[in-house]
Amino acid sequence: MSESEAAAAANAATNSTTFEVVARAGFAMNGVLHVLIGVISIRVATGHGGKPTEASVMTEVADLPEGFLVLWAAFLTFAALAVWQTLEVVFGHRYRSTHNRVIQKGSSIGLTVIYIALAVATATFALGGSDSRSRAKKSHLSLELMQTLQGRLMLAAVGAVIFGFGVFFIVKGIRRGHRKNLKTTDGGFGTTAVILGAIGYPAKGAIVCFAGALVAYSAFAFDPSKAEGVGAVFQTMRQQQFGPALLTAAGCGLISYGLYLGCRAKIGTMANDY
């Protein structure tokens, strides 16, 4: 199959209404996940229990009656969106300038990694995984890497990459770059989506930057607990003097980002310029 034939096949796939609806649902599912994490963060800030992490939310969903069906539905939407973004990486943005093409493909690569990770996570929890097992695996892997200089440098590099993703989110929110991901920014719904993104992107970016910084710090502090991602971020916030305020602000920011993703599921662009 030639490149043009492959591009035509990809175009035909993304022109499928069913495929597009399922892929759009991936944005909505991710939005729900962020809203739930944000709500738990606020609950923790007000003295209630809970762990504001993706793994904790998925564990709670799995414990619900028929919760595994919800997780498999989420897996399907995340997998569909990961495939869509993969097609964007391979065939998309062909008619843009070189500079814009590099930026857009880089964004698509990031989204592909995120939604593959979410698909794998939801499938794992649907098959009986748990929050404690997830954290144990992360801690074990981090501890293994910390045993050698090369491993610590690799962990620091991972932290730097995560930090870079966070900076991308912050800049995108400040510059209102998320407006390009919406088919319309007019009317009540479009305006609301822009405002939610302007709040949510920097908040999400700050949390991701914090997570990256903690991963890099853990490499040289020999503290695998700091390399647990978002969970380590919220735990560190909780230990600060203004912990409740930080947790509340982070929770509100994540809720805003999650609601924006819900709007994006409805009015977001789904490029297929192959």
Protein backbone atom coordinates (compact mmCIF):
# COMPACT_ATOMS: atom_id res chain seq x y z
CA MET A 1 0.00 0.00 0.00
CA SER A 2 1.41 3.37 -1.04
CA GLU A 3 1.52 6.39 1.27
CA SER A 4 -1.32 8.06 -0.61
CA GLU A 5 -3.46 4.92 -0.36
CA ALA A 6 -2.72 4.65 3.37
CA ALA A 7 -3.65 8.31 3.84
CA ALA A 8 -6.89 7.71 1.93
CA ALA A 9 -7.69 4.73 4.19
CA ALA A 10 -6.99 6.86 7.28
CA ASN A 11 -9.23 9.59 5.88
CA ALA A 12 -12.02 7.08 5.28
CA ALA A 13 -11.69 5.80 8.86
CA THR A 14 -11.88 9.26 10.41
CA ASN A 15 -14.87 10.12 8.23
CA SER A 16 -16.79 7.37 10.01
CA THR A 17 -19.46 8.97 12.21
CA THR A 18 -19.31 6.08 14.69
CA PHE A 19 -15.54 6.31 15.03
CA GLU A 20 -15.72 10.06 15.55
CA VAL A 21 -18.46 9.80 18.18
CA VAL A 22 -16.50 7.18 20.16
CA ALA A 23 -13.29 9.20 19.87
CA ARG A 24 -15.06 12.37 21.02
CA ALA A 25 -16.37 10.42 23.99
CA GLY A 26 -12.73 9.93 24.97
CA PHE A 27 -12.47 13.67 25.68
CA ALA A 28 -15.65 13.47 27.79
CA MET A 29 -14.37 10.45 29.75
CA ASN A 30 -11.09 12.19 30.43
CA GLY A 31 -13.06 15.23 31.52
CA VAL A 32 -15.09 13.18 34.00
CA LEU A 33 -11.85 11.73 35.37
CA HIS A 34 -10.40 15.21 35.95
CA VAL A 35 -13.61 16.47 37.56
CA LEU A 36 -13.65 13.52 39.98
CA ILE A 37 -9.98 14.04 40.89
CA GLY A 38 -10.69 17.73 41.42
CA VAL A 39 -13.68 16.99 43.66
CA ILE A 40 -11.63 14.53 45.75
CA SER A 41 -8.86 17.13 46.07
CA ILE A 42 -11.34 19.64 47.49
CA ARG A 43 -12.75 16.97 49.83
CA VAL A 44 -9.25 16.23 51.12
CA ALA A 45 -8.69 19.97 51.64
CA THR A 46 -11.80 20.13 53.81
CA GLY A 47 -10.69 17.24 56.01
CA HIS A 48 -12.40 14.32 54.29
CA GLY A 49 -10.70 11.17 53.10
CA GLY A 50 -9.73 10.10 49.61
CA LYS A 51 -6.82 10.09 47.23
CA PRO A 52 -7.01 12.54 44.30
CA THR A 53 -5.35 10.32 41.70
CA GLU A 54 -6.47 8.59 38.51
CA ALA A 55 -5.67 5.18 40.01
CA SER A 56 -7.78 5.88 43.10
CA VAL A 57 -10.75 7.04 41.00
CA MET A 58 -10.52 3.97 38.78
CA THR A 59 -10.31 1.70 41.82
CA GLU A 60 -13.49 3.26 43.24
CA VAL A 61 -15.28 2.88 39.90
CA ALA A 62 -14.17 -0.76 39.67
CA ASP A 63 -15.66 -1.40 43.12
CA LEU A 64 -19.09 -0.18 42.01
CA PRO A 65 -21.73 -2.66 40.81
CA GLU A 66 -21.04 -3.23 37.11
CA GLY A 67 -18.16 -0.75 37.46
CA PHE A 68 -16.00 -2.90 35.20
CA LEU A 69 -18.44 -2.16 32.36
CA VAL A 70 -17.86 1.57 32.86
CA LEU A 71 -14.11 1.00 32.77
CA TRP A 72 -14.33 -1.07 29.58
CA ALA A 73 -16.46 1.66 28.00
CA ALA A 74 -13.82 4.21 29.03
CA PHE A 75 -11.12 1.94 27.57
CA LEU A 76 -12.95 1.84 24.24
CA THR A 77 -13.20 5.64 24.05
CA PHE A 78 -9.58 6.21 25.10
CA ALA A 79 -8.36 3.59 22.62
CA ALA A 80 -10.39 5.18 19.82
CA LEU A 81 -8.98 8.62 20.61
CA ALA A 82 -5.45 7.18 20.78
CA VAL A 83 -5.92 5.66 17.31
CA TRP A 84 -7.29 8.96 16.00
CA GLN A 85 -4.28 10.86 17.35
CA THR A 86 -1.92 8.22 15.95
CA LEU A 87 -3.41 8.80 12.50
CA GLU A 88 -2.82 12.52 13.06
CA VAL A 89 0.85 11.84 13.84
CA VAL A 90 1.39 9.66 10.77
CA PHE A 91 -0.80 11.33 8.16
CA GLY A 92 -2.08 14.61 9.58
CA HIS A 93 -1.15 18.26 9.07
CA ARG A 94 0.35 17.64 5.61
CA TYR A 95 -0.89 20.94 4.22
CA ARG A 96 0.42 23.20 6.98
CA SER A 97 3.69 25.12 7.05
CA THR A 98 6.72 23.21 8.33
CA HIS A 99 6.73 25.11 11.64
CA ASN A 100 3.04 24.54 12.31
CA ARG A 101 3.26 20.93 11.18
CA VAL A 102 6.04 20.19 13.69
CA ILE A 103 4.10 21.84 16.52
CA GLN A 104 0.82 20.09 15.66
CA LYS A 105 2.46 16.69 15.23
CA GLY A 106 4.25 17.17 18.55
CA SER A 107 0.92 17.90 20.21
CA SER A 108 -0.61 14.83 18.56
CA ILE A 109 2.26 12.66 19.81
CA GLY A 110 1.69 13.92 23.35
CA LEU A 111 -2.05 13.22 23.14
CA THR A 112 -1.36 9.76 21.69
CA VAL A 113 0.87 8.88 24.66
CA ILE A 114 -1.69 10.24 27.14
CA TYR A 115 -4.64 8.33 25.70
CA ILE A 116 -2.69 5.10 25.25
CA ALA A 117 -1.71 5.37 28.93
CA LEU A 118 -5.34 6.00 29.91
CA ALA A 119 -6.53 3.07 27.80
CA VAL A 120 -3.96 0.74 29.38
CA ALA A 121 -4.84 2.00 32.88
CA THR A 122 -8.59 1.53 32.45
CA ALA A 123 -8.11 -1.97 31.01
CA THR A 124 -5.79 -2.85 33.91
CA PHE A 125 -8.32 -1.75 36.52
CA ALA A 126 -11.19 -3.38 34.63
CA LEU A 127 -9.24 -6.65 34.87
CA GLY A 128 -8.84 -6.33 38.64
CA GLY A 129 -5.95 -3.92 39.18
CA SER A 130 -5.87 -1.68 42.24
CA ASP A 131 -4.45 1.62 43.43
CA SER A 132 -2.07 -0.10 45.85
CA ARG A 133 -0.69 -2.37 43.14
CA SER A 134 -0.23 0.59 40.80
CA ARG A 135 1.69 2.60 43.41
CA ALA A 136 3.79 -0.45 44.37
CA LYS A 137 4.84 -0.99 40.75
CA LYS A 138 5.78 2.69 40.32
CA SER A 139 7.78 2.71 43.55
CA HIS A 140 9.57 -0.52 42.64
CA LEU A 141 10.50 0.75 39.18
CA SER A 142 11.70 4.10 40.56
CA LEU A 143 13.75 2.34 43.22
CA GLU A 144 15.37 0.11 40.61
CA LEU A 145 16.33 3.13 38.49
CA MET A 146 17.81 4.90 41.51
CA GLN A 147 20.39 2.17 42.01
CA THR A 148 22.64 3.42 39.19
CA LEU A 149 23.77 6.81 37.93
CA GLN A 150 22.34 6.03 34.48
CA GLY A 151 19.01 5.15 36.06
CA ARG A 152 18.91 8.35 38.09
CA LEU A 153 19.73 10.40 35.00
CA MET A 154 16.97 8.60 33.11
CA LEU A 155 14.50 9.35 35.91
CA ALA A 156 15.61 13.00 35.91
CA ALA A 157 15.13 13.12 32.13
CA VAL A 158 11.60 11.72 32.51
CA GLY A 159 10.92 14.43 35.08
CA ALA A 160 12.21 17.07 32.66
CA VAL A 161 9.92 15.78 29.88
CA ILE A 162 6.91 15.82 32.23
CA PHE A 163 7.86 19.35 33.31
CA GLY A 164 8.00 20.36 29.64
CA PHE A 165 4.47 19.04 29.07
CA GLY A 166 3.35 21.13 32.03
CA VAL A 167 4.91 24.26 30.56
CA PHE A 168 3.11 23.52 27.28
CA PHE A 169 -0.24 23.39 29.11
CA ILE A 170 0.45 26.64 30.96
CA VAL A 171 1.51 28.51 27.82
CA LYS A 172 -1.45 27.14 25.85
CA GLY A 173 -3.86 28.37 28.51
CA ILE A 174 -2.27 31.80 28.88
CA ARG A 175 -2.17 32.35 25.12
CA ARG A 176 -5.69 30.94 24.71
CA GLY A 177 -4.27 28.40 22.28
CA HIS A 178 -7.06 26.00 23.19
CA ARG A 179 -9.43 28.12 21.11
CA LYS A 180 -7.92 26.47 18.02
CA ASN A 181 -9.23 23.12 19.30
CA LEU A 182 -12.81 24.39 19.23
CA LYS A 183 -15.01 24.66 16.16
CA THR A 184 -16.68 27.74 17.63
CA THR A 185 -15.83 30.18 20.40
CA ASP A 186 -19.03 32.19 20.01
CA GLY A 187 -22.28 31.93 21.91
CA GLY A 188 -22.73 30.88 25.50
CA PHE A 189 -21.33 27.37 25.04
CA GLY A 190 -18.27 28.44 23.05
CA THR A 191 -17.47 31.34 25.39
CA THR A 192 -17.83 29.06 28.41
CA ALA A 193 -15.45 26.54 26.85
CA VAL A 194 -12.83 29.24 26.25
CA ILE A 195 -13.08 30.50 29.86
CA LEU A 196 -12.91 26.98 31.30
CA GLY A 197 -9.85 26.21 29.19
CA ALA A 198 -8.18 29.49 30.19
CA ILE A 199 -8.51 28.44 33.83
CA GLY A 200 -8.03 24.71 33.43
CA TYR A 201 -4.97 24.57 31.18
CA PRO A 202 -2.65 26.63 33.45
CA ALA A 203 -3.92 24.77 36.53
CA LYS A 204 -3.36 21.39 34.90
CA GLY A 205 0.03 22.59 33.64
CA ALA A 206 1.12 23.73 37.11
CA ILE A 207 0.26 20.32 38.57
CA VAL A 208 2.09 18.52 35.75
CA CYS A 209 5.15 20.78 36.23
CA PHE A 210 5.09 20.03 39.95
CA ALA A 211 4.90 16.31 39.20
CA GLY A 212 7.86 16.53 36.82
CA ALA A 213 9.91 18.47 39.34
CA LEU A 214 9.19 15.86 42.03
CA VAL A 215 10.18 13.00 39.71
CA ALA A 216 13.49 14.72 38.95
CA TYR A 217 13.99 15.48 42.66
CA SER A 218 13.33 11.85 43.61
CA ALA A 219 16.16 10.69 41.36
CA PHE A 220 18.77 12.38 43.51
CA ALA A 221 16.98 12.35 46.87
CA PHE A 222 16.51 8.55 46.66
CA ASP A 223 12.83 8.98 47.52
CA PRO A 224 10.63 6.81 45.25
CA SER A 225 7.48 8.20 46.89
CA LYS A 226 8.12 11.51 45.10
CA ALA A 227 8.03 9.77 41.71
CA GLU A 228 4.39 8.67 41.95
CA GLY A 229 3.07 11.43 39.73
CA VAL A 230 -0.05 13.40 40.62
CA GLY A 231 -0.44 11.49 43.87
CA ALA A 232 2.93 12.79 45.08
CA VAL A 233 1.94 16.32 44.07
CA PHE A 234 -1.21 16.33 46.18
CA GLN A 235 0.54 14.64 49.10
CA THR A 236 3.28 17.29 49.03
CA MET A 237 0.67 20.07 48.82
CA ARG A 238 -1.15 18.61 51.79
CA GLN A 239 2.01 18.84 53.90
CA GLN A 240 2.50 22.56 53.27
CA GLN A 241 1.38 25.36 55.59
CA PHE A 242 -1.29 26.47 53.13
CA GLY A 243 -2.06 22.91 52.05
CA PRO A 244 -5.89 23.17 52.12
CA ALA A 245 -5.83 26.32 50.00
CA LEU A 246 -3.43 24.72 47.50
CA LEU A 247 -5.54 21.56 47.30
CA THR A 248 -8.73 23.59 46.81
CA ALA A 249 -7.17 25.72 44.07
CA ALA A 250 -5.78 22.64 42.33
CA GLY A 251 -9.14 20.90 42.60
CA CYS A 252 -11.02 23.85 41.13
CA GLY A 253 -8.48 24.06 38.31
CA LEU A 254 -8.86 20.37 37.48
CA ILE A 255 -12.64 20.65 37.55
CA SER A 256 -12.41 23.56 35.10
CA TYR A 257 -10.12 21.54 32.83
CA GLY A 258 -12.43 18.54 33.02
CA LEU A 259 -15.46 20.65 32.10
CA TYR A 260 -13.48 22.14 29.20
CA LEU A 261 -12.79 18.61 27.94
CA GLY A 262 -16.53 17.96 28.13
CA CYS A 263 -17.09 21.01 25.95
CA ARG A 264 -14.37 19.84 23.59
CA ALA A 265 -16.14 16.51 23.20
CA LYS A 266 -19.12 18.49 21.86
CA ILE A 267 -17.56 21.33 19.83
CA GLY A 268 -13.91 20.32 19.51
CA THR A 269 -12.21 20.05 16.15
CA MET A 270 -11.34 16.54 14.96
CA ALA A 271 -8.84 17.24 12.19
CA ASN A 272 -8.49 14.76 9.36
CA ASP A 273 -6.65 16.74 6.65
CA TYR A 274 -4.97 13.69 5.16
